[in-house]
C-alpha cells in the first residue's frame, strides 16, 4: 500500500526526510522499519550533536502523531514510534567495495539500538549521559 498523508498526498517518507533535513543529522542505515540517525558524522558539525538528535526525535514523533492515510480505503492510522538516544564516541567508516556504505560502530550505537527493546511507544528514551547534556535546554 502507498502511504500518504490524509490532506496533501505527501508520502510518509517525504515527511520523515523533511524532519531529517531540518537538523544537522544524517540517516546512516535503514532496515526493517528502523532508522539509525547520527549527528556530527561523517563530517563534524557543532558541539550540539545530542541536541540535534533530540530535536530530530521530537520532530519524528510529531510526524507520527499527525497520523497517515493508508491504502485504497483511506484508513487513517497512527504509528507508535520507538526511539532511543545515546551520546558518546563511536567508530565510522566505509564498508564494502562493490556496494560501499557508510557504517557506524561502537558501544554508543549498540546502547541506542538496545534501548528500543525497553522503550515505550511515542516516548523518547535517553541515556544518563544524554540527560546531563540536554537538561539545560529541555524539560526532561
Protein backbone atom coordinates (compact mmCIF):
# COMPACT_ATOMS: atom_id res chain seq x y z
CA UNK A 1 0.00 0.00 0.00
CA UNK A 2 1.09 3.53 -0.67
CA UNK A 3 1.45 5.55 2.49
CA UNK A 4 0.38 9.19 2.23
CA UNK A 5 -0.89 11.94 4.45
CA UNK A 6 -4.64 12.46 4.52
CA UNK A 7 -4.72 16.01 3.23
CA UNK A 8 -1.82 16.68 0.87
CA UNK A 9 -0.74 13.35 -0.59
CA UNK A 10 2.86 13.71 0.60
CA UNK A 11 4.42 10.35 1.23
CA UNK A 12 5.33 9.26 4.71
CA UNK A 13 8.96 9.07 3.70
CA UNK A 14 8.88 12.65 2.43
CA UNK A 15 7.65 13.85 5.80
CA UNK A 16 10.37 11.91 7.60
CA UNK A 17 13.03 13.20 5.19
CA UNK A 18 11.92 16.78 5.81
CA UNK A 19 12.45 16.32 9.55
CA UNK A 20 15.90 14.81 9.00
CA UNK A 21 16.92 17.59 6.60
CA UNK A 22 15.83 20.32 9.01
CA UNK A 23 18.51 19.31 11.55
CA UNK A 24 22.23 18.58 11.37
CA UNK A 25 21.73 14.81 11.19
CA UNK A 26 22.45 12.02 8.73
CA UNK A 27 20.44 8.88 8.15
CA UNK A 28 23.08 6.15 8.22
CA UNK A 29 21.12 2.95 7.97
CA UNK A 30 17.51 1.98 7.34
CA UNK A 31 16.36 -1.63 7.56
CA UNK A 32 13.14 -3.38 8.56
CA UNK A 33 11.41 -0.15 9.52
CA UNK A 34 14.30 1.01 11.69
CA UNK A 35 16.49 4.01 11.07
CA UNK A 36 19.87 4.95 12.56
CA UNK A 37 20.39 8.72 12.62
CA UNK A 38 23.64 10.41 13.72
CA UNK A 39 24.85 13.96 14.16
CA UNK A 40 28.44 15.02 13.58
CA UNK A 41 29.21 12.23 11.11
CA UNK A 42 30.65 11.79 8.55
CA UNK A 43 31.69 15.44 8.95
CA UNK A 44 31.90 17.12 12.32
CA UNK A 45 29.33 19.80 12.88
CA UNK A 46 28.79 21.87 16.00
CA UNK A 47 29.08 20.66 19.58
CA UNK A 48 25.30 20.27 19.69
CA UNK A 49 25.09 16.67 18.46
CA UNK A 50 22.82 15.46 21.25
CA UNK A 51 20.54 18.48 20.91
CA UNK A 52 20.22 17.97 17.13
CA UNK A 53 19.29 14.31 17.65
CA UNK A 54 16.75 15.23 20.37
CA UNK A 55 15.11 17.84 18.11
CA UNK A 56 15.00 15.29 15.30
CA UNK A 57 13.38 12.73 17.63
CA UNK A 58 10.74 15.28 18.65
CA UNK A 59 10.11 16.16 15.00
CA UNK A 60 9.69 12.50 14.03
CA UNK A 61 7.31 11.97 16.93
CA UNK A 62 5.28 14.93 15.71
CA UNK A 63 5.06 13.37 12.23
CA UNK A 64 3.80 10.12 13.73
CA UNK A 65 1.26 11.87 15.96
CA UNK A 66 -0.37 13.50 12.94
CA UNK A 67 -1.25 10.08 11.56
CA UNK A 68 -1.32 8.83 7.98
CA UNK A 69 -3.85 7.61 5.49
CA UNK A 70 -3.13 4.11 4.17
CA UNK A 71 -4.16 2.15 1.11
CA UNK A 72 -7.09 2.38 -1.25
CA UNK A 73 -9.72 2.50 1.51
CA UNK A 74 -8.07 5.53 3.14
CA UNK A 75 -7.88 4.01 6.62
CA UNK A 76 -6.38 6.60 8.97
CA UNK A 77 -3.70 5.17 11.27
CA UNK A 78 -1.16 6.41 13.78
CA UNK A 79 2.20 4.74 14.22
CA UNK A 80 3.88 4.05 17.57
CA UNK A 81 7.41 5.34 17.23
CA UNK A 82 10.08 3.79 19.48
CA UNK A 83 13.20 5.93 19.92
CA UNK A 84 16.44 5.66 21.87
CA UNK A 85 19.17 8.29 22.11
CA UNK A 86 22.72 7.71 23.30
CA UNK A 87 25.65 10.12 23.19
CA UNK A 88 29.32 9.16 23.13
CA UNK A 89 32.24 8.04 20.99
CA UNK A 90 31.95 5.74 18.01
CA UNK A 91 33.95 4.48 15.06
CA UNK A 92 32.82 5.12 11.49
CA UNK A 93 33.99 4.20 8.03
CA UNK A 94 33.19 2.98 4.54
CA UNK A 95 32.44 -0.74 4.33
CA UNK A 96 32.48 -2.68 1.07
CA UNK A 97 33.89 -2.27 -2.40
CA UNK A 98 31.15 -3.33 -4.81
CA UNK A 99 28.34 -1.58 -2.89
CA UNK A 100 30.12 0.69 -0.40
CA UNK A 101 28.20 2.17 2.51
CA UNK A 102 28.98 4.33 5.50
CA UNK A 103 28.75 2.40 8.79
CA UNK A 104 28.92 3.42 12.44
CA UNK A 105 30.14 1.09 15.20
CA UNK A 106 30.71 1.19 18.93
CA UNK A 107 29.12 0.99 22.37
CA UNK A 108 27.18 4.23 21.81
CA UNK A 109 25.48 2.79 18.72
CA UNK A 110 24.84 -0.54 20.47
CA UNK A 111 23.34 1.20 23.50
CA UNK A 112 20.93 3.25 21.37
CA UNK A 113 19.93 0.12 19.43
CA UNK A 114 19.29 -1.92 22.60
CA UNK A 115 17.13 0.83 24.07
CA UNK A 116 14.30 0.05 21.64
CA UNK A 117 13.63 -3.28 23.37
CA UNK A 118 12.63 -1.49 26.59
CA UNK A 119 11.24 1.72 25.12
CA UNK A 120 7.60 2.75 25.35
CA UNK A 121 5.92 3.82 22.12
CA UNK A 122 5.84 7.57 21.41
CA UNK A 123 8.31 8.32 24.21
CA UNK A 124 11.96 9.12 23.68
CA UNK A 125 14.27 7.05 25.86
CA UNK A 126 17.64 8.67 26.61
CA UNK A 127 20.75 7.60 28.48
CA UNK A 128 22.02 9.32 31.65
CA UNK A 129 24.75 10.97 29.57
CA UNK A 130 22.14 12.45 27.23
CA UNK A 131 20.06 13.57 30.19
CA UNK A 132 23.01 15.55 31.58
CA UNK A 133 23.69 17.13 28.18
CA UNK A 134 20.05 18.00 27.44
CA UNK A 135 18.76 19.06 30.88
CA UNK A 136 19.99 22.63 30.37
CA UNK A 137 17.93 23.08 27.18
CA UNK A 138 14.95 20.70 27.53
CA UNK A 139 12.40 19.84 30.20
CA UNK A 140 13.07 16.15 30.81
